[in-house]
Amino acid sequence: IGLGPGCWLVPSECFYNDIRMRAMSLATFANRCT
């Protein structure tokens, strides 16, 4: 209801354009490491 989709939604929208792809990769990297 929240934790599953919300924790992909927040990283996808909280970074600004210049860093979004690299920061999103970092978030995914941390997610997969965990």
Full PDB file with SEQRES, HELIX, SHEET, SSBOND, CRYST1, ORIGX, SCALE, CONECT and MASTER records, all heavy atoms in Angstrom:
SEQRES   1 A   34  ILE GLY LEU GLY PRO GLY CYS TRP LEU VAL PRO SER GLU          
SEQRES   2 A   34  CYS PHE TYR ASN ASP ILE ARG MET ARG ALA MET SER LEU          
SEQRES   3 A   34  ALA THR PHE ALA ASN ARG CYS THR                              
HELIX    1 AA1 LEU A    3  CYS A   14  1                                  12    
HELIX    2 AA2 ARG A   20  CYS A   33  1                                  14    
CRYST1    1.000    1.000    1.000  90.00  90.00  90.00 P 1           1          
ORIGX1      1.000000  0.000000  0.000000        0.00000                         
ORIGX2      0.000000  1.000000  0.000000        0.00000                         
ORIGX3      0.000000  0.000000  1.000000        0.00000                         
SCALE1      1.000000  0.000000  0.000000        0.00000                         
SCALE2      0.000000  1.000000  0.000000        0.00000                         
SCALE3      0.000000  0.000000  1.000000        0.00000                         
ATOM      1  N   ILE A   1       0.812  -1.209   0.000  1.00  0.00           N  
ATOM      2  CA  ILE A   1       0.000   0.000   0.000  1.00  0.00           C  
ATOM      3  C   ILE A   1       0.849   1.264   0.000  1.00  0.00           C  
ATOM      4  O   ILE A   1       0.405   2.337  -0.431  1.00  0.00           O  
ATOM      5  CB  ILE A   1      -0.972   0.019   1.207  1.00  0.00           C  
ATOM      6  CG1 ILE A   1      -2.112   1.020   0.984  1.00  0.00           C  
ATOM      7  CG2 ILE A   1      -0.232   0.316   2.503  1.00  0.00           C  
ATOM      8  CD1 ILE A   1      -3.036   0.670  -0.150  1.00  0.00           C  
ATOM      9  N   GLY A   2       2.094   1.178   0.437  1.00  0.00           N  
ATOM     10  CA  GLY A   2       2.917   2.383   0.476  1.00  0.00           C  
ATOM     11  C   GLY A   2       4.400   2.125   0.345  1.00  0.00           C  
ATOM     12  O   GLY A   2       5.084   2.713  -0.493  1.00  0.00           O  
ATOM     13  N   LEU A   3       4.933   1.230   1.171  1.00  0.00           N  
ATOM     14  CA  LEU A   3       6.378   1.003   1.222  1.00  0.00           C  
ATOM     15  C   LEU A   3       6.919   0.452  -0.094  1.00  0.00           C  
ATOM     16  O   LEU A   3       7.972   0.884  -0.566  1.00  0.00           O  
ATOM     17  CB  LEU A   3       6.702   0.037   2.367  1.00  0.00           C  
ATOM     18  CG  LEU A   3       8.168  -0.103   2.785  1.00  0.00           C  
ATOM     19  CD1 LEU A   3       8.746   1.232   3.202  1.00  0.00           C  
ATOM     20  CD2 LEU A   3       8.304  -1.130   3.908  1.00  0.00           C  
ATOM     21  N   GLY A   4       6.208  -0.486  -0.699  1.00  0.00           N  
ATOM     22  CA  GLY A   4       6.665  -1.088  -1.946  1.00  0.00           C  
ATOM     23  C   GLY A   4       6.782  -0.094  -3.085  1.00  0.00           C  
ATOM     24  O   GLY A   4       7.880   0.184  -3.588  1.00  0.00           O  
ATOM     25  N   PRO A   5       5.654   0.501  -3.530  1.00  0.00           N  
ATOM     26  CA  PRO A   5       5.739   1.459  -4.651  1.00  0.00           C  
ATOM     27  C   PRO A   5       6.299   2.810  -4.256  1.00  0.00           C  
ATOM     28  O   PRO A   5       6.996   3.454  -5.042  1.00  0.00           O  
ATOM     29  CB  PRO A   5       4.278   1.582  -5.100  1.00  0.00           C  
ATOM     30  CG  PRO A   5       3.473   1.262  -3.879  1.00  0.00           C  
ATOM     31  CD  PRO A   5       4.270   0.215  -3.145  1.00  0.00           C  
ATOM     32  N   GLY A   6       6.025   3.270  -3.043  1.00  0.00           N  
ATOM     33  CA  GLY A   6       6.450   4.604  -2.633  1.00  0.00           C  
ATOM     34  C   GLY A   6       7.944   4.765  -2.587  1.00  0.00           C  
ATOM     35  O   GLY A   6       8.480   5.841  -2.869  1.00  0.00           O  
ATOM     36  N   CYS A   7       8.654   3.689  -2.264  1.00  0.00           N  
ATOM     37  CA  CYS A   7      10.113   3.779  -2.162  1.00  0.00           C  
ATOM     38  C   CYS A   7      10.809   3.643  -3.510  1.00  0.00           C  
ATOM     39  O   CYS A   7      12.037   3.670  -3.580  1.00  0.00           O  
ATOM     40  CB  CYS A   7      10.630   2.749  -1.159  1.00  0.00           C  
ATOM     41  SG  CYS A   7      10.227   3.219   0.539  1.00  0.00           S  
ATOM     42  N   TRP A   8      10.049   3.492  -4.584  1.00  0.00           N  
ATOM     43  CA  TRP A   8      10.575   3.721  -5.938  1.00  0.00           C  
ATOM     44  C   TRP A   8      10.112   5.080  -6.442  1.00  0.00           C  
ATOM     45  O   TRP A   8      10.822   5.758  -7.187  1.00  0.00           O  
ATOM     46  CB  TRP A   8      10.117   2.620  -6.899  1.00  0.00           C  
ATOM     47  CG  TRP A   8      10.832   1.326  -6.710  1.00  0.00           C  
ATOM     48  CD1 TRP A   8      10.292   0.126  -6.366  1.00  0.00           C  
ATOM     49  CD2 TRP A   8      12.240   1.096  -6.843  1.00  0.00           C  
ATOM     50  NE1 TRP A   8      11.267  -0.831  -6.267  1.00  0.00           N  
ATOM     51  CE2 TRP A   8      12.472  -0.264  -6.557  1.00  0.00           C  
ATOM     52  CE3 TRP A   8      13.326   1.908  -7.166  1.00  0.00           C  
ATOM     53  CZ2 TRP A   8      13.746  -0.829  -6.596  1.00  0.00           C  
ATOM     54  CZ3 TRP A   8      14.597   1.358  -7.204  1.00  0.00           C  
ATOM     55  CH2 TRP A   8      14.802  -0.012  -6.923  1.00  0.00           C  
ATOM     56  N   LEU A   9       8.913   5.472  -6.049  1.00  0.00           N  
ATOM     57  CA  LEU A   9       8.381   6.771  -6.479  1.00  0.00           C  
ATOM     58  C   LEU A   9       9.223   7.928  -5.947  1.00  0.00           C  
ATOM     59  O   LEU A   9       9.586   8.845  -6.700  1.00  0.00           O  
ATOM     60  CB  LEU A   9       6.925   6.909  -6.014  1.00  0.00           C  
ATOM     61  CG  LEU A   9       6.268   8.272  -6.184  1.00  0.00           C  
ATOM     62  CD1 LEU A   9       6.241   8.685  -7.651  1.00  0.00           C  
ATOM     63  CD2 LEU A   9       4.849   8.249  -5.593  1.00  0.00           C  
ATOM     64  N   VAL A  10       9.542   7.903  -4.660  1.00  0.00           N  
ATOM     65  CA  VAL A  10      10.282   9.021  -4.052  1.00  0.00           C  
ATOM     66  C   VAL A  10      11.650   9.232  -4.705  1.00  0.00           C  
ATOM     67  O   VAL A  10      11.992  10.357  -5.091  1.00  0.00           O  
ATOM     68  CB  VAL A  10      10.405   8.822  -2.521  1.00  0.00           C  
ATOM     69  CG1 VAL A  10      11.368   9.849  -1.920  1.00  0.00           C  
ATOM     70  CG2 VAL A  10       9.033   8.950  -1.864  1.00  0.00           C  
ATOM     71  N   PRO A  11      12.488   8.186  -4.885  1.00  0.00           N  
ATOM     72  CA  PRO A  11      13.770   8.433  -5.556  1.00  0.00           C  
ATOM     73  C   PRO A  11      13.615   8.910  -7.000  1.00  0.00           C  
ATOM     74  O   PRO A  11      14.450   9.664  -7.496  1.00  0.00           O  
ATOM     75  CB  PRO A  11      14.469   7.062  -5.511  1.00  0.00           C  
ATOM     76  CG  PRO A  11      13.828   6.340  -4.390  1.00  0.00           C  
ATOM     77  CD  PRO A  11      12.406   6.804  -4.376  1.00  0.00           C  
ATOM     78  N   SER A  12      12.561   8.477  -7.675  1.00  0.00           N  
ATOM     79  CA  SER A  12      12.390   8.866  -9.076  1.00  0.00           C  
ATOM     80  C   SER A  12      12.055  10.338  -9.234  1.00  0.00           C  
ATOM     81  O   SER A  12      12.253  10.910 -10.310  1.00  0.00           O  
ATOM     82  CB  SER A  12      11.289   8.020  -9.731  1.00  0.00           C  
ATOM     83  OG  SER A  12       9.995   8.425  -9.303  1.00  0.00           O  
ATOM     84  N   GLU A  13      11.561  10.990  -8.164  1.00  0.00           N  
ATOM     85  CA  GLU A  13      11.113  12.367  -8.301  1.00  0.00           C  
ATOM     86  C   GLU A  13      11.851  13.365  -7.414  1.00  0.00           C  
ATOM     87  O   GLU A  13      11.686  14.570  -7.586  1.00  0.00           O  
ATOM     88  CB  GLU A  13       9.615  12.457  -7.977  1.00  0.00           C  
ATOM     89  CG  GLU A  13       9.254  12.148  -6.537  1.00  0.00           C  
ATOM     90  CD  GLU A  13       7.757  12.172  -6.276  1.00  0.00           C  
ATOM     91  OE1 GLU A  13       6.985  12.375  -7.233  1.00  0.00           O  
ATOM     92  OE2 GLU A  13       7.358  11.984  -5.110  1.00  0.00           O  
ATOM     93  N   CYS A  14      12.668  12.926  -6.476  1.00  0.00           N  
ATOM     94  CA  CYS A  14      13.261  13.875  -5.531  1.00  0.00           C  
ATOM     95  C   CYS A  14      14.581  14.474  -6.018  1.00  0.00           C  
ATOM     96  O   CYS A  14      15.093  15.409  -5.405  1.00  0.00           O  
ATOM     97  CB  CYS A  14      13.450  13.227  -4.158  1.00  0.00           C  
ATOM     98  SG  CYS A  14      14.816  12.056  -4.037  1.00  0.00           S  
ATOM     99  N   PHE A  15      15.153  13.953  -7.109  1.00  0.00           N  
ATOM    100  CA  PHE A  15      16.418  14.488  -7.628  1.00  0.00           C  
ATOM    101  C   PHE A  15      16.154  15.448  -8.783  1.00  0.00           C  
ATOM    102  O   PHE A  15      15.230  15.244  -9.567  1.00  0.00           O  
ATOM    103  CB  PHE A  15      17.314  13.353  -8.117  1.00  0.00           C  
ATOM    104  CG  PHE A  15      17.594  12.307  -7.078  1.00  0.00           C  
ATOM    105  CD1 PHE A  15      17.209  10.990  -7.271  1.00  0.00           C  
ATOM    106  CD2 PHE A  15      18.243  12.635  -5.900  1.00  0.00           C  
ATOM    107  CE1 PHE A  15      17.475  10.022  -6.318  1.00  0.00           C  
ATOM    108  CE2 PHE A  15      18.509  11.673  -4.929  1.00  0.00           C  
ATOM    109  CZ  PHE A  15      18.120  10.362  -5.148  1.00  0.00           C  
ATOM    110  N   TYR A  16      16.981  16.473  -8.918  1.00  0.00           N  
ATOM    111  CA  TYR A  16      16.802  17.398 -10.034  1.00  0.00           C  
ATOM    112  C   TYR A  16      17.482  16.844 -11.286  1.00  0.00           C  
ATOM    113  O   TYR A  16      18.246  15.875 -11.242  1.00  0.00           O  
ATOM    114  CB  TYR A  16      17.284  18.802  -9.682  1.00  0.00           C  
ATOM    115  CG  TYR A  16      18.750  18.967  -9.378  1.00  0.00           C  
ATOM    116  CD1 TYR A  16      19.649  19.355 -10.356  1.00  0.00           C  
ATOM    117  CD2 TYR A  16      19.237  18.766  -8.082  1.00  0.00           C  
ATOM    118  CE1 TYR A  16      21.000  19.531 -10.069  1.00  0.00           C  
ATOM    119  CE2 TYR A  16      20.584  18.937  -7.785  1.00  0.00           C  
ATOM    120  CZ  TYR A  16      21.458  19.321  -8.784  1.00  0.00           C  
ATOM    121  OH  TYR A  16      22.796  19.482  -8.496  1.00  0.00           O  
ATOM    122  N   ASN A  17      17.202  17.471 -12.430  1.00  0.00           N  
ATOM    123  CA  ASN A  17      17.522  16.881 -13.735  1.00  0.00           C  
ATOM    124  C   ASN A  17      18.991  16.519 -13.913  1.00  0.00           C  
ATOM    125  O   ASN A  17      19.315  15.449 -14.432  1.00  0.00           O  
ATOM    126  CB  ASN A  17      17.098  17.830 -14.860  1.00  0.00           C  
ATOM    127  CG  ASN A  17      15.594  17.835 -15.071  1.00  0.00           C  
ATOM    128  OD1 ASN A  17      14.952  16.795 -15.001  1.00  0.00           O  
ATOM    129  ND2 ASN A  17      15.036  19.008 -15.309  1.00  0.00           N  
ATOM    130  N   ASP A  18      19.900  17.392 -13.507  1.00  0.00           N  
ATOM    131  CA  ASP A  18      21.308  17.162 -13.795  1.00  0.00           C  
ATOM    132  C   ASP A  18      21.873  15.936 -13.087  1.00  0.00           C  
ATOM    133  O   ASP A  18      22.792  15.297 -13.595  1.00  0.00           O  
ATOM    134  CB  ASP A  18      22.140  18.392 -13.407  1.00  0.00           C  
ATOM    135  CG  ASP A  18      23.573  18.286 -13.907  1.00  0.00           C  
ATOM    136  OD1 ASP A  18      23.774  18.407 -15.131  1.00  0.00           O  
ATOM    137  OD2 ASP A  18      24.471  18.057 -13.082  1.00  0.00           O  
ATOM    138  N   ILE A  19      21.335  15.589 -11.922  1.00  0.00           N  
ATOM    139  CA  ILE A  19      21.879  14.452 -11.166  1.00  0.00           C  
ATOM    140  C   ILE A  19      20.924  13.268 -11.131  1.00  0.00           C  
ATOM    141  O   ILE A  19      21.250  12.240 -10.540  1.00  0.00           O  
ATOM    142  CB  ILE A  19      22.218  14.859  -9.709  1.00  0.00           C  
ATOM    143  CG1 ILE A  19      20.943  15.169  -8.913  1.00  0.00           C  
ATOM    144  CG2 ILE A  19      23.194  16.027  -9.684  1.00  0.00           C  
ATOM    145  CD1 ILE A  19      21.175  15.316  -7.426  1.00  0.00           C  
ATOM    146  N   ARG A  20      19.753  13.390 -11.779  1.00  0.00           N  
ATOM    147  CA  ARG A  20      18.702  12.386 -11.552  1.00  0.00           C  
ATOM    148  C   ARG A  20      19.137  10.979 -11.916  1.00  0.00           C  
ATOM    149  O   ARG A  20      18.933  10.027 -11.150  1.00  0.00           O  
ATOM    150  CB  ARG A  20      17.425  12.750 -12.304  1.00  0.00           C  
ATOM    151  CG  ARG A  20      16.259  11.762 -11.999  1.00  0.00           C  
ATOM    152  CD  ARG A  20      14.946  12.188 -12.620  1.00  0.00           C  
ATOM    153  NE  ARG A  20      14.570  13.495 -12.114  1.00  0.00           N  
ATOM    154  CZ  ARG A  20      14.452  14.573 -12.878  1.00  0.00           C  
ATOM    155  NH1 ARG A  20      14.682  14.490 -14.180  1.00  0.00           N  
ATOM    156  NH2 ARG A  20      14.102  15.723 -12.359  1.00  0.00           N  
ATOM    157  N   MET A  21      19.713  10.786 -13.100  1.00  0.00           N  
ATOM    158  CA  MET A  21      20.047   9.431 -13.522  1.00  0.00           C  
ATOM    159  C   MET A  21      21.122   8.829 -12.633  1.00  0.00           C  
ATOM    160  O   MET A  21      21.032   7.683 -12.202  1.00  0.00           O  
ATOM    161  CB  MET A  21      20.519   9.445 -14.975  1.00  0.00           C  
ATOM    162  CG  MET A  21      20.762   8.041 -15.550  1.00  0.00           C  
ATOM    163  SD  MET A  21      19.271   7.049 -15.746  1.00  0.00           S  
ATOM    164  CE  MET A  21      19.544   5.721 -14.574  1.00  0.00           C  
ATOM    165  N   ARG A  22      22.158   9.603 -12.331  1.00  0.00           N  
ATOM    166  CA  ARG A  22      23.238   9.068 -11.509  1.00  0.00           C  
ATOM    167  C   ARG A  22      22.762   8.805 -10.080  1.00  0.00           C  
ATOM    168  O   ARG A  22      23.107   7.782  -9.476  1.00  0.00           O  
ATOM    169  CB  ARG A  22      24.427  10.036 -11.520  1.00  0.00           C  
ATOM    170  CG  ARG A  22      25.752   9.382 -11.143  1.00  0.00           C  
ATOM    171  CD  ARG A  22      26.905  10.260 -11.527  1.00  0.00           C  
ATOM    172  NE  ARG A  22      26.983  10.440 -12.963  1.00  0.00           N  
ATOM    173  CZ  ARG A  22      27.577   9.586 -13.799  1.00  0.00           C  
ATOM    174  NH1 ARG A  22      28.144   8.500 -13.320  1.00  0.00           N  
ATOM    175  NH2 ARG A  22      27.607   9.815 -15.086  1.00  0.00           N  
ATOM    176  N   ALA A  23      21.975   9.723  -9.538  1.00  0.00           N  
ATOM    177  CA  ALA A  23      21.471   9.545  -8.176  1.00  0.00           C  
ATOM    178  C   ALA A  23      20.469   8.393  -8.109  1.00  0.00           C  
ATOM    179  O   ALA A  23      20.441   7.637  -7.139  1.00  0.00           O  
ATOM    180  CB  ALA A  23      20.827  10.842  -7.682  1.00  0.00           C  
ATOM    181  N   MET A  24      19.657   8.239  -9.155  1.00  0.00           N  
ATOM    182  CA  MET A  24      18.718   7.122  -9.194  1.00  0.00           C  
ATOM    183  C   MET A  24      19.464   5.797  -9.287  1.00  0.00           C  
ATOM    184  O   MET A  24      19.068   4.800  -8.666  1.00  0.00           O  
ATOM    185  CB  MET A  24      17.773   7.277 -10.388  1.00  0.00           C  
ATOM    186  CG  MET A  24      16.659   6.237 -10.423  1.00  0.00           C  
ATOM    187  SD  MET A  24      15.525   6.436  -9.032  1.00  0.00           S  
ATOM    188  CE  MET A  24      14.592   4.907  -9.139  1.00  0.00           C  
ATOM    189  N   SER A  25      20.550   5.774 -10.038  1.00  0.00           N  
ATOM    190  CA  SER A  25      21.375   4.570 -10.090  1.00  0.00           C  
ATOM    191  C   SER A  25      21.958   4.249  -8.716  1.00  0.00           C  
ATOM    192  O   SER A  25      22.037   3.084  -8.317  1.00  0.00           O  
ATOM    193  CB  SER A  25      22.513   4.751 -11.097  1.00  0.00           C  
ATOM    194  OG  SER A  25      22.013   4.871 -12.402  1.00  0.00           O  
ATOM    195  N   LEU A  26      22.355   5.293  -7.990  1.00  0.00           N  
ATOM    196  CA  LEU A  26      22.887   5.096  -6.644  1.00  0.00           C  
ATOM    197  C   LEU A  26      21.820   4.529  -5.720  1.00  0.00           C  
ATOM    198  O   LEU A  26      22.089   3.626  -4.912  1.00  0.00           O  
ATOM    199  CB  LEU A  26      23.427   6.419  -6.093  1.00  0.00           C  
ATOM    200  CG  LEU A  26      24.056   6.382  -4.697  1.00  0.00           C  
ATOM    201  CD1 LEU A  26      25.257   5.439  -4.677  1.00  0.00           C  
ATOM    202  CD2 LEU A  26      24.472   7.784  -4.259  1.00  0.00           C  
ATOM    203  N   ALA A  27      20.589   5.049  -5.830  1.00  0.00           N  
ATOM    204  CA  ALA A  27      19.488   4.532  -5.005  1.00  0.00           C  
ATOM    205  C   ALA A  27      19.199   3.072  -5.337  1.00  0.00           C  
ATOM    206  O   ALA A  27      18.993   2.240  -4.440  1.00  0.00           O  
ATOM    207  CB  ALA A  27      18.237   5.383  -5.214  1.00  0.00           C  
ATOM    208  N   THR A  28      19.200   2.742  -6.632  1.00  0.00           N  
ATOM    209  CA  THR A  28      18.965   1.349  -7.049  1.00  0.00           C  
ATOM    210  C   THR A  28      20.115   0.456  -6.596  1.00  0.00           C  
ATOM    211  O   THR A  28      19.903  -0.680  -6.149  1.00  0.00           O  
ATOM    212  CB  THR A  28      18.807   1.275  -8.574  1.00  0.00           C  
ATOM    213  OG1 THR A  28      17.815   2.210  -8.999  1.00  0.00           O  
ATOM    214  CG2 THR A  28      18.382  -0.124  -9.002  1.00  0.00           C  
ATOM    215  N   PHE A  29      21.338   0.955  -6.725  1.00  0.00           N  
ATOM    216  CA  PHE A  29      22.522   0.233  -6.257  1.00  0.00           C  
ATOM    217  C   PHE A  29      22.391  -0.095  -4.773  1.00  0.00           C  
ATOM    218  O   PHE A  29      22.613  -1.238  -4.343  1.00  0.00           O  
ATOM    219  CB  PHE A  29      23.751   1.104  -6.519  1.00  0.00           C  
ATOM    220  CG  PHE A  29      25.050   0.521  -6.049  1.00  0.00           C  
ATOM    221  CD1 PHE A  29      25.805  -0.296  -6.878  1.00  0.00           C  
ATOM    222  CD2 PHE A  29      25.538   0.798  -4.775  1.00  0.00           C  
ATOM    223  CE1 PHE A  29      27.019  -0.823  -6.451  1.00  0.00           C  
ATOM    224  CE2 PHE A  29      26.748   0.278  -4.343  1.00  0.00           C  
ATOM    225  CZ  PHE A  29      27.488  -0.534  -5.180  1.00  0.00           C  
ATOM    226  N   ALA A  30      22.000   0.905  -3.968  1.00  0.00           N  
ATOM    227  CA  ALA A  30      21.849   0.691  -2.526  1.00  0.00           C  
ATOM    228  C   ALA A  30      20.713  -0.279  -2.237  1.00  0.00           C  
ATOM    229  O   ALA A  30      20.814  -1.129  -1.336  1.00  0.00           O  
ATOM    230  CB  ALA A  30      21.596   2.025  -1.835  1.00  0.00           C  
ATOM    231  N   ASN A  31      19.626  -0.164  -2.997  1.00  0.00           N  
ATOM    232  CA  ASN A  31      18.489  -1.074  -2.832  1.00  0.00           C  
ATOM    233  C   ASN A  31      18.901  -2.516  -3.091  1.00  0.00           C  
ATOM    234  O   ASN A  31      18.582  -3.430  -2.311  1.00  0.00           O  
ATOM    235  CB  ASN A  31      17.371  -0.640  -3.782  1.00  0.00           C  
ATOM    236  CG  ASN A  31      16.164  -1.558  -3.759  1.00  0.00           C  
ATOM    237  OD1 ASN A  31      16.152  -2.584  -4.448  1.00  0.00           O  
ATOM    238  ND2 ASN A  31      15.154  -1.189  -2.998  1.00  0.00           N  
ATOM    239  N   ARG A  32      19.633  -2.742  -4.180  1.00  0.00           N  
ATOM    240  CA  ARG A  32      20.052  -4.103  -4.525  1.00  0.00           C  
ATOM    241  C   ARG A  32      21.119  -4.631  -3.564  1.00  0.00           C  
ATOM    242  O   ARG A  32      21.151  -5.829  -3.262  1.00  0.00           O  
ATOM    243  CB  ARG A  32      20.574  -4.142  -5.956  1.00  0.00           C  
ATOM    244  CG  ARG A  32      19.519  -3.907  -7.027  1.00  0.00           C  
ATOM    245  CD  ARG A  32      18.447  -4.977  -7.029  1.00  0.00           C  
ATOM    246  NE  ARG A  32      17.308  -4.662  -6.171  1.00  0.00           N  
ATOM    247  CZ  ARG A  32      16.312  -5.496  -5.891  1.00  0.00           C  
ATOM    248  NH1 ARG A  32      16.351  -6.741  -6.343  1.00  0.00           N  
ATOM    249  NH2 ARG A  32      15.309  -5.120  -5.125  1.00  0.00           N  
ATOM    250  N   CYS A  33      22.000  -3.751  -3.090  1.00  0.00           N  
ATOM    251  CA  CYS A  33      22.980  -4.177  -2.080  1.00  0.00           C  
ATOM    252  C   CYS A  33      22.269  -4.639  -0.814  1.00  0.00           C  
ATOM    253  O   CYS A  33      22.625  -5.669  -0.219  1.00  0.00           O  
ATOM    254  CB  CYS A  33      23.933  -3.032  -1.745  1.00  0.00           C  
ATOM    255  SG  CYS A  33      25.206  -2.707  -2.969  1.00  0.00           S  
ATOM    256  N   THR A  34      21.266  -3.875  -0.404  1.00  0.00           N  
ATOM    257  CA  THR A  34      20.495  -4.250   0.778  1.00  0.00           C  
ATOM    258  C   THR A  34      19.784  -5.568   0.555  1.00  0.00           C  
ATOM    259  O   THR A  34      19.765  -6.444   1.430  1.00  0.00           O  
ATOM    260  CB  THR A  34      19.464  -3.153   1.118  1.00  0.00           C  
ATOM    261  OG1 THR A  34      20.126  -1.893   1.207  1.00  0.00           O  
ATOM    262  CG2 THR A  34      18.772  -3.454   2.443  1.00  0.00           C  
TER     263      THR A  34                                                      
MASTER        0    0    0    2    0    0    0    6  262    1    0    3          
END                                                                             
